[in-house]
């Protein structure tokens, strides 16, 4: 999934990376859809703020609020469409990124061996239980666990 904030901060870097994977045009569309969505989100927030009143509105304010309510409904409908378009493009760009990374041949992948992980040490209570078992069986305690 693409982080849209990071993409807004460095669109050229994302565009270059996605161009190598064949998704530069879809990324440009995504950025346009995201800009439209942000613009509509700001508009809707401003209209919502204007519709909030303190106290009982006068008849003139009621008429103005009815007009604002109609405008707000239009903007929210556009906002919903813009959000759907933005999600659709985000999914398309993300899926093209995944397809491109899945199509890398094994010869291009580093053949460096994976480092084996050391076995995990038991937790504090498990170490104490192991010490009791070792002591009861006559074994000497492990010097590595004695320091803890």
N, C-alpha and C. Protein backbone atom coordinates (compact mmCIF):
# COMPACT_ATOMS: atom_id res chain seq x y z
N UNK A 1 0.85 -1.16 0.00
CA UNK A 1 0.00 0.00 0.00
C UNK A 1 0.90 1.23 0.00
N UNK A 2 0.52 2.22 -0.72
CA UNK A 2 1.30 3.45 -0.82
C UNK A 2 0.87 4.41 0.28
N UNK A 3 1.84 5.02 0.93
CA UNK A 3 1.57 6.04 1.93
C UNK A 3 1.39 7.36 1.17
N UNK A 4 0.16 7.86 1.14
CA UNK A 4 -0.14 9.06 0.35
C UNK A 4 0.57 10.29 0.89
N UNK A 5 0.76 10.38 2.20
CA UNK A 5 1.49 11.54 2.74
C UNK A 5 2.92 11.55 2.23
N UNK A 6 3.55 10.39 2.25
CA UNK A 6 4.93 10.30 1.76
C UNK A 6 4.97 10.57 0.26
N UNK A 7 3.96 10.11 -0.46
CA UNK A 7 3.91 10.34 -1.91
C UNK A 7 3.72 11.82 -2.20
N UNK A 8 2.93 12.53 -1.39
CA UNK A 8 2.75 13.98 -1.58
C UNK A 8 4.05 14.72 -1.30
N UNK A 9 4.79 14.24 -0.31
CA UNK A 9 6.04 14.89 0.07
C UNK A 9 7.13 14.69 -0.98
N UNK A 10 7.15 13.54 -1.62
CA UNK A 10 8.19 13.23 -2.62
C UNK A 10 7.55 12.58 -3.85
N UNK A 11 6.74 13.33 -4.60
CA UNK A 11 6.06 12.71 -5.74
C UNK A 11 7.03 12.25 -6.84
N UNK A 12 8.11 12.97 -7.03
CA UNK A 12 9.05 12.58 -8.08
C UNK A 12 9.74 11.26 -7.76
N UNK A 13 10.08 11.07 -6.51
CA UNK A 13 10.70 9.81 -6.11
C UNK A 13 9.76 8.63 -6.30
N UNK A 14 8.49 8.82 -5.91
CA UNK A 14 7.50 7.75 -6.08
C UNK A 14 7.23 7.51 -7.57
N UNK A 15 7.12 8.61 -8.32
CA UNK A 15 6.84 8.48 -9.76
C UNK A 15 7.97 7.71 -10.45
N UNK A 16 9.22 8.03 -10.08
CA UNK A 16 10.35 7.33 -10.67
C UNK A 16 10.35 5.85 -10.33
N UNK A 17 10.07 5.53 -9.07
CA UNK A 17 10.03 4.12 -8.66
C UNK A 17 8.90 3.38 -9.36
N UNK A 18 7.75 4.04 -9.48
CA UNK A 18 6.60 3.39 -10.11
C UNK A 18 6.74 3.35 -11.63
N UNK A 19 7.50 4.27 -12.21
CA UNK A 19 7.72 4.26 -13.66
C UNK A 19 8.48 3.00 -14.05
N UNK A 20 9.42 2.58 -13.21
CA UNK A 20 10.17 1.36 -13.49
C UNK A 20 9.25 0.14 -13.46
N UNK A 21 8.12 0.27 -12.77
CA UNK A 21 7.18 -0.84 -12.66
C UNK A 21 5.96 -0.65 -13.57
N UNK A 22 5.98 0.40 -14.37
CA UNK A 22 4.91 0.62 -15.33
C UNK A 22 3.65 1.25 -14.76
N UNK A 23 3.76 1.95 -13.65
CA UNK A 23 2.56 2.52 -13.02
C UNK A 23 2.65 4.03 -12.85
N UNK A 24 3.47 4.70 -13.64
CA UNK A 24 3.65 6.15 -13.47
C UNK A 24 2.37 6.91 -13.81
N UNK A 25 1.68 6.51 -14.89
CA UNK A 25 0.45 7.22 -15.28
C UNK A 25 -0.63 7.03 -14.22
N UNK A 26 -0.75 5.83 -13.70
CA UNK A 26 -1.74 5.57 -12.65
C UNK A 26 -1.39 6.38 -11.40
N UNK A 27 -0.10 6.54 -11.11
CA UNK A 27 0.31 7.33 -9.96
C UNK A 27 -0.07 8.79 -10.16
N UNK A 28 0.13 9.33 -11.38
CA UNK A 28 -0.26 10.71 -11.66
C UNK A 28 -1.77 10.90 -11.48
N UNK A 29 -2.55 9.93 -11.95
CA UNK A 29 -4.00 9.99 -11.76
C UNK A 29 -4.34 9.95 -10.28
N UNK A 30 -3.63 9.12 -9.54
CA UNK A 30 -3.86 9.01 -8.10
C UNK A 30 -3.58 10.34 -7.41
N UNK A 31 -2.51 10.99 -7.77
CA UNK A 31 -2.16 12.28 -7.15
C UNK A 31 -3.22 13.34 -7.48
N UNK A 32 -3.74 13.33 -8.72
CA UNK A 32 -4.81 14.27 -9.08
C UNK A 32 -6.08 13.97 -8.30
N UNK A 33 -6.43 12.70 -8.18
CA UNK A 33 -7.63 12.31 -7.43
C UNK A 33 -7.46 12.65 -5.95
N UNK A 34 -6.26 12.47 -5.42
CA UNK A 34 -6.01 12.80 -4.03
C UNK A 34 -6.12 14.30 -3.80
N UNK A 35 -5.59 15.10 -4.73
CA UNK A 35 -5.70 16.56 -4.60
C UNK A 35 -7.17 17.00 -4.64
N UNK A 36 -7.94 16.39 -5.53
CA UNK A 36 -9.37 16.72 -5.61
C UNK A 36 -10.08 16.33 -4.33
N UNK A 37 -9.78 15.15 -3.80
CA UNK A 37 -10.40 14.69 -2.56
C UNK A 37 -10.07 15.63 -1.40
N UNK A 38 -8.81 16.05 -1.30
CA UNK A 38 -8.41 16.96 -0.23
C UNK A 38 -9.11 18.31 -0.36
N UNK A 39 -9.25 18.78 -1.59
CA UNK A 39 -9.94 20.05 -1.84
C UNK A 39 -11.41 19.96 -1.40
N UNK A 40 -12.07 18.87 -1.78
CA UNK A 40 -13.48 18.69 -1.40
C UNK A 40 -13.63 18.48 0.10
N UNK A 41 -12.69 17.78 0.71
CA UNK A 41 -12.73 17.57 2.16
C UNK A 41 -12.64 18.91 2.89
N UNK A 42 -11.77 19.80 2.42
CA UNK A 42 -11.64 21.12 3.01
C UNK A 42 -12.93 21.92 2.85
N UNK A 43 -13.50 21.88 1.64
CA UNK A 43 -14.75 22.58 1.38
C UNK A 43 -15.85 22.07 2.30
N UNK A 44 -15.99 20.77 2.41
CA UNK A 44 -17.04 20.19 3.24
C UNK A 44 -16.84 20.57 4.71
N UNK A 45 -15.62 20.57 5.18
CA UNK A 45 -15.35 20.95 6.57
C UNK A 45 -15.72 22.41 6.82
N UNK A 46 -15.38 23.28 5.86
CA UNK A 46 -15.73 24.70 6.01
C UNK A 46 -17.24 24.89 6.02
N UNK A 47 -17.94 24.18 5.13
CA UNK A 47 -19.40 24.30 5.09
C UNK A 47 -20.04 23.77 6.38
N UNK A 48 -19.51 22.67 6.89
CA UNK A 48 -20.03 22.12 8.15
C UNK A 48 -19.84 23.13 9.28
N UNK A 49 -18.69 23.79 9.29
CA UNK A 49 -18.41 24.78 10.33
C UNK A 49 -19.36 25.97 10.22
N UNK A 50 -19.69 26.37 8.98
CA UNK A 50 -20.62 27.49 8.78
C UNK A 50 -22.04 27.15 9.20
N UNK A 51 -22.42 25.89 9.10
CA UNK A 51 -23.79 25.51 9.46
C UNK A 51 -24.00 25.44 10.96
N UNK A 52 -22.93 25.39 11.73
CA UNK A 52 -23.08 25.36 13.18
C UNK A 52 -23.36 26.78 13.68
N UNK A 53 -24.43 26.91 14.44
CA UNK A 53 -24.78 28.22 14.97
C UNK A 53 -24.89 28.13 16.48
N UNK A 54 -24.69 29.24 17.10
CA UNK A 54 -24.88 29.29 18.56
C UNK A 54 -26.20 30.02 18.81
N UNK A 55 -27.07 29.36 19.49
CA UNK A 55 -28.37 29.97 19.77
C UNK A 55 -29.36 29.74 18.65
N UNK A 56 -30.49 30.39 18.77
CA UNK A 56 -31.55 30.25 17.78
C UNK A 56 -31.27 31.17 16.60
N UNK A 57 -31.28 30.64 15.35
CA UNK A 57 -31.00 31.49 14.20
C UNK A 57 -32.21 32.38 13.84
N UNK A 58 -31.90 33.52 13.27
CA UNK A 58 -32.95 34.43 12.80
C UNK A 58 -33.52 33.87 11.49
N UNK A 59 -34.66 34.40 11.02
CA UNK A 59 -35.24 33.90 9.76
C UNK A 59 -34.28 34.05 8.57
N UNK A 60 -33.51 35.14 8.55
CA UNK A 60 -32.54 35.33 7.46
C UNK A 60 -31.44 34.26 7.52
N UNK A 61 -30.99 33.98 8.75
CA UNK A 61 -29.96 32.95 8.92
C UNK A 61 -30.49 31.58 8.54
N UNK A 62 -31.77 31.33 8.83
CA UNK A 62 -32.37 30.05 8.45
C UNK A 62 -32.34 29.83 6.95
N UNK A 63 -32.65 30.89 6.19
CA UNK A 63 -32.60 30.80 4.72
C UNK A 63 -31.18 30.52 4.25
N UNK A 64 -30.23 31.23 4.85
CA UNK A 64 -28.82 31.03 4.48
C UNK A 64 -28.38 29.61 4.83
N UNK A 65 -28.80 29.12 5.99
CA UNK A 65 -28.43 27.77 6.42
C UNK A 65 -29.04 26.70 5.51
N UNK A 66 -30.25 26.93 5.02
CA UNK A 66 -30.87 25.98 4.08
C UNK A 66 -30.06 25.91 2.80
N UNK A 67 -29.61 27.07 2.31
CA UNK A 67 -28.76 27.10 1.11
C UNK A 67 -27.44 26.39 1.35
N UNK A 68 -26.86 26.64 2.53
CA UNK A 68 -25.60 25.97 2.88
C UNK A 68 -25.78 24.46 2.98
N UNK A 69 -26.93 24.04 3.51
CA UNK A 69 -27.19 22.61 3.65
C UNK A 69 -27.25 21.94 2.28
N UNK A 70 -27.91 22.59 1.31
CA UNK A 70 -27.96 22.05 -0.05
C UNK A 70 -26.58 21.97 -0.68
N UNK A 71 -25.81 23.03 -0.50
CA UNK A 71 -24.44 23.05 -1.03
C UNK A 71 -23.60 21.96 -0.36
N UNK A 72 -23.75 21.82 0.95
CA UNK A 72 -23.00 20.80 1.69
C UNK A 72 -23.34 19.40 1.19
N UNK A 73 -24.61 19.15 0.92
CA UNK A 73 -25.00 17.83 0.41
C UNK A 73 -24.36 17.55 -0.95
N UNK A 74 -24.30 18.57 -1.81
CA UNK A 74 -23.65 18.41 -3.12
C UNK A 74 -22.17 18.11 -2.95
N UNK A 75 -21.53 18.89 -2.10
CA UNK A 75 -20.09 18.71 -1.88
C UNK A 75 -19.81 17.33 -1.27
N UNK A 76 -20.65 16.89 -0.34
CA UNK A 76 -20.44 15.58 0.27
C UNK A 76 -20.64 14.45 -0.74
N UNK A 77 -21.59 14.63 -1.68
CA UNK A 77 -21.78 13.62 -2.73
C UNK A 77 -20.54 13.56 -3.62
N UNK A 78 -20.02 14.73 -4.00
CA UNK A 78 -18.79 14.78 -4.81
C UNK A 78 -17.62 14.19 -4.04
N UNK A 79 -17.58 14.50 -2.74
CA UNK A 79 -16.51 13.99 -1.89
C UNK A 79 -16.53 12.47 -1.84
N UNK A 80 -17.71 11.89 -1.74
CA UNK A 80 -17.83 10.44 -1.72
C UNK A 80 -17.34 9.83 -3.03
N UNK A 81 -17.71 10.44 -4.16
CA UNK A 81 -17.24 9.95 -5.46
C UNK A 81 -15.72 10.08 -5.57
N UNK A 82 -15.20 11.21 -5.11
CA UNK A 82 -13.75 11.42 -5.17
C UNK A 82 -13.02 10.42 -4.29
N UNK A 83 -13.60 10.10 -3.13
CA UNK A 83 -12.96 9.13 -2.24
C UNK A 83 -12.95 7.74 -2.87
N UNK A 84 -14.04 7.38 -3.54
CA UNK A 84 -14.10 6.08 -4.22
C UNK A 84 -13.07 6.02 -5.34
N UNK A 85 -12.97 7.09 -6.11
CA UNK A 85 -11.99 7.14 -7.21
C UNK A 85 -10.57 7.04 -6.67
N UNK A 86 -10.32 7.76 -5.59
CA UNK A 86 -9.00 7.76 -4.97
C UNK A 86 -8.64 6.35 -4.48
N UNK A 87 -9.58 5.66 -3.83
CA UNK A 87 -9.33 4.30 -3.35
C UNK A 87 -9.09 3.34 -4.51
N UNK A 88 -9.88 3.50 -5.58
CA UNK A 88 -9.73 2.64 -6.76
C UNK A 88 -8.33 2.80 -7.36
N UNK A 89 -7.89 4.05 -7.50
CA UNK A 89 -6.56 4.30 -8.07
C UNK A 89 -5.46 3.83 -7.12
N UNK A 90 -5.67 4.01 -5.83
CA UNK A 90 -4.68 3.56 -4.86
C UNK A 90 -4.52 2.04 -4.93
N UNK A 91 -5.63 1.34 -5.06
CA UNK A 91 -5.58 -0.12 -5.19
C UNK A 91 -4.88 -0.52 -6.48
N UNK A 92 -5.16 0.21 -7.57
CA UNK A 92 -4.54 -0.13 -8.85
C UNK A 92 -3.04 0.09 -8.80
N UNK A 93 -2.61 1.22 -8.25
CA UNK A 93 -1.17 1.50 -8.16
C UNK A 93 -0.49 0.51 -7.24
N UNK A 94 -1.14 0.19 -6.12
CA UNK A 94 -0.55 -0.76 -5.17
C UNK A 94 -0.46 -2.15 -5.78
N UNK A 95 -1.49 -2.57 -6.53
CA UNK A 95 -1.46 -3.90 -7.12
C UNK A 95 -0.41 -3.98 -8.23
N UNK A 96 -0.21 -2.90 -8.97
CA UNK A 96 0.83 -2.94 -10.00
C UNK A 96 2.20 -2.99 -9.35
N UNK A 97 2.33 -2.37 -8.19
CA UNK A 97 3.58 -2.46 -7.44
C UNK A 97 3.84 -3.88 -7.01
N UNK A 98 2.79 -4.56 -6.51
CA UNK A 98 2.95 -5.93 -6.04
C UNK A 98 3.23 -6.88 -7.19
N UNK A 99 2.52 -6.70 -8.33
CA UNK A 99 2.76 -7.57 -9.48
C UNK A 99 4.19 -7.42 -9.97
N UNK A 100 4.68 -6.17 -9.99
CA UNK A 100 6.04 -5.95 -10.47
C UNK A 100 7.06 -6.57 -9.53
N UNK A 101 6.84 -6.46 -8.24
CA UNK A 101 7.81 -7.05 -7.31
C UNK A 101 7.72 -8.57 -7.31
N UNK A 102 6.55 -9.13 -7.61
CA UNK A 102 6.40 -10.58 -7.67
C UNK A 102 7.01 -11.15 -8.94
N UNK A 103 7.17 -10.31 -9.96
CA UNK A 103 7.69 -10.80 -11.23
C UNK A 103 9.22 -10.75 -11.29
N UNK A 104 9.88 -10.39 -10.21
CA UNK A 104 11.35 -10.37 -10.20
C UNK A 104 11.83 -11.81 -10.26
N UNK A 105 12.73 -12.07 -11.17
CA UNK A 105 13.21 -13.44 -11.33
C UNK A 105 14.18 -13.79 -10.20
N UNK A 106 14.30 -15.07 -9.88
CA UNK A 106 15.20 -15.47 -8.79
C UNK A 106 16.65 -15.11 -9.05
N UNK A 107 17.05 -14.97 -10.31
CA UNK A 107 18.44 -14.63 -10.60
C UNK A 107 18.76 -13.21 -10.18
N UNK A 108 17.74 -12.35 -10.08
CA UNK A 108 17.98 -10.97 -9.67
C UNK A 108 17.98 -10.81 -8.16
N UNK A 109 17.49 -11.80 -7.47
CA UNK A 109 17.43 -11.73 -6.02
C UNK A 109 18.78 -12.14 -5.45
N UNK A 110 19.19 -11.46 -4.42
CA UNK A 110 20.47 -11.75 -3.79
C UNK A 110 20.49 -13.20 -3.29
N UNK A 111 21.60 -13.86 -3.52
CA UNK A 111 21.73 -15.25 -3.11
C UNK A 111 22.45 -15.35 -1.77
N UNK A 112 22.49 -14.26 -0.99
CA UNK A 112 23.17 -14.28 0.29
C UNK A 112 22.44 -15.24 1.23
N UNK A 113 23.17 -16.05 1.94
CA UNK A 113 22.51 -16.99 2.85
C UNK A 113 21.84 -16.25 4.00
N UNK A 114 20.76 -16.81 4.47
CA UNK A 114 20.06 -16.22 5.60
C UNK A 114 20.82 -16.55 6.88
N UNK A 115 20.92 -15.60 7.75
CA UNK A 115 21.61 -15.81 9.01
C UNK A 115 20.69 -16.56 9.96
N UNK A 116 21.21 -17.61 10.53
CA UNK A 116 20.41 -18.40 11.46
C UNK A 116 20.24 -17.62 12.76
N UNK A 117 19.05 -17.68 13.29
CA UNK A 117 18.78 -16.99 14.55
C UNK A 117 19.24 -17.86 15.71
N UNK A 118 19.77 -17.21 16.70
CA UNK A 118 20.17 -17.92 17.91
C UNK A 118 18.90 -18.35 18.64
N UNK A 119 18.95 -19.47 19.33
CA UNK A 119 17.75 -19.89 20.06
C UNK A 119 17.40 -18.87 21.13
N UNK A 120 16.14 -18.70 21.36
CA UNK A 120 15.69 -17.72 22.35
C UNK A 120 15.95 -18.25 23.74
N UNK A 121 16.33 -17.34 24.60
CA UNK A 121 16.54 -17.71 26.00
C UNK A 121 15.20 -17.71 26.71
N UNK A 122 15.05 -18.56 27.69
CA UNK A 122 13.79 -18.60 28.43
C UNK A 122 13.57 -17.29 29.19
N UNK A 123 12.32 -16.99 29.49
CA UNK A 123 11.99 -15.79 30.25
C UNK A 123 12.45 -15.96 31.70
N UNK A 124 12.31 -14.91 32.49
CA UNK A 124 12.79 -14.92 33.87
C UNK A 124 12.20 -16.04 34.70
N UNK A 125 10.88 -16.22 34.66
CA UNK A 125 10.26 -17.27 35.48
C UNK A 125 10.64 -18.65 34.96
N UNK A 126 10.80 -18.81 33.66
CA UNK A 126 11.20 -20.09 33.10
C UNK A 126 12.65 -20.40 33.47
N UNK A 127 13.50 -19.37 33.49
CA UNK A 127 14.90 -19.58 33.91
C UNK A 127 14.95 -20.03 35.36
N UNK A 128 14.13 -19.42 36.20
CA UNK A 128 14.12 -19.80 37.62
C UNK A 128 13.66 -21.25 37.77
N UNK A 129 12.66 -21.65 37.01
CA UNK A 129 12.18 -23.03 37.07
C UNK A 129 13.26 -24.00 36.60
N UNK A 130 13.97 -23.63 35.54
CA UNK A 130 15.06 -24.49 35.06
C UNK A 130 16.17 -24.60 36.09
N UNK A 131 16.48 -23.50 36.79
CA UNK A 131 17.50 -23.56 37.83
C UNK A 131 17.09 -24.53 38.94
N UNK A 132 15.81 -24.48 39.35
CA UNK A 132 15.33 -25.40 40.39
C UNK A 132 15.43 -26.84 39.93
N UNK A 133 15.08 -27.09 38.67
CA UNK A 133 15.15 -28.45 38.14
C UNK A 133 16.60 -28.92 38.12
N UNK A 134 17.50 -28.05 37.67
CA UNK A 134 18.92 -28.39 37.62
C UNK A 134 19.48 -28.65 39.01
N UNK A 135 19.10 -27.82 39.97
CA UNK A 135 19.60 -28.00 41.33
C UNK A 135 19.07 -29.29 41.95
N UNK A 136 17.79 -29.59 41.68
CA UNK A 136 17.22 -30.81 42.28
C UNK A 136 17.79 -32.06 41.63
N UNK A 137 18.24 -31.96 40.37
CA UNK A 137 18.81 -33.13 39.71
C UNK A 137 20.30 -33.28 39.98
N UNK A 138 20.89 -32.32 40.71
CA UNK A 138 22.29 -32.41 41.07
C UNK A 138 23.21 -31.74 40.07
N UNK A 139 22.67 -31.13 39.04
CA UNK A 139 23.53 -30.43 38.07
C UNK A 139 23.90 -29.06 38.60
N UNK A 140 25.02 -28.58 38.14
CA UNK A 140 25.44 -27.24 38.51
C UNK A 140 24.62 -26.22 37.72
N UNK A 141 24.33 -25.07 38.29
CA UNK A 141 23.57 -24.05 37.57
C UNK A 141 24.37 -23.49 36.41
N UNK A 142 23.66 -23.06 35.40
CA UNK A 142 24.28 -22.46 34.21
C UNK A 142 24.86 -21.10 34.60
N UNK A 143 26.18 -20.87 34.41
CA UNK A 143 26.78 -19.61 34.83
C UNK A 143 26.24 -18.40 34.06
N UNK A 144 25.74 -18.61 32.85
CA UNK A 144 25.19 -17.47 32.08
C UNK A 144 23.92 -16.94 32.73
N UNK A 145 23.11 -17.80 33.30
CA UNK A 145 21.84 -17.35 33.89
C UNK A 145 22.01 -16.90 35.32
N UNK A 146 23.16 -17.19 35.95
CA UNK A 146 23.36 -16.79 37.34
C UNK A 146 23.54 -15.29 37.47
N UNK A 147 24.06 -14.64 36.45
CA UNK A 147 24.32 -13.20 36.53
C UNK A 147 23.05 -12.39 36.41
N UNK A 148 21.97 -12.98 36.00
CA UNK A 148 20.73 -12.21 35.81
C UNK A 148 19.82 -12.33 36.97
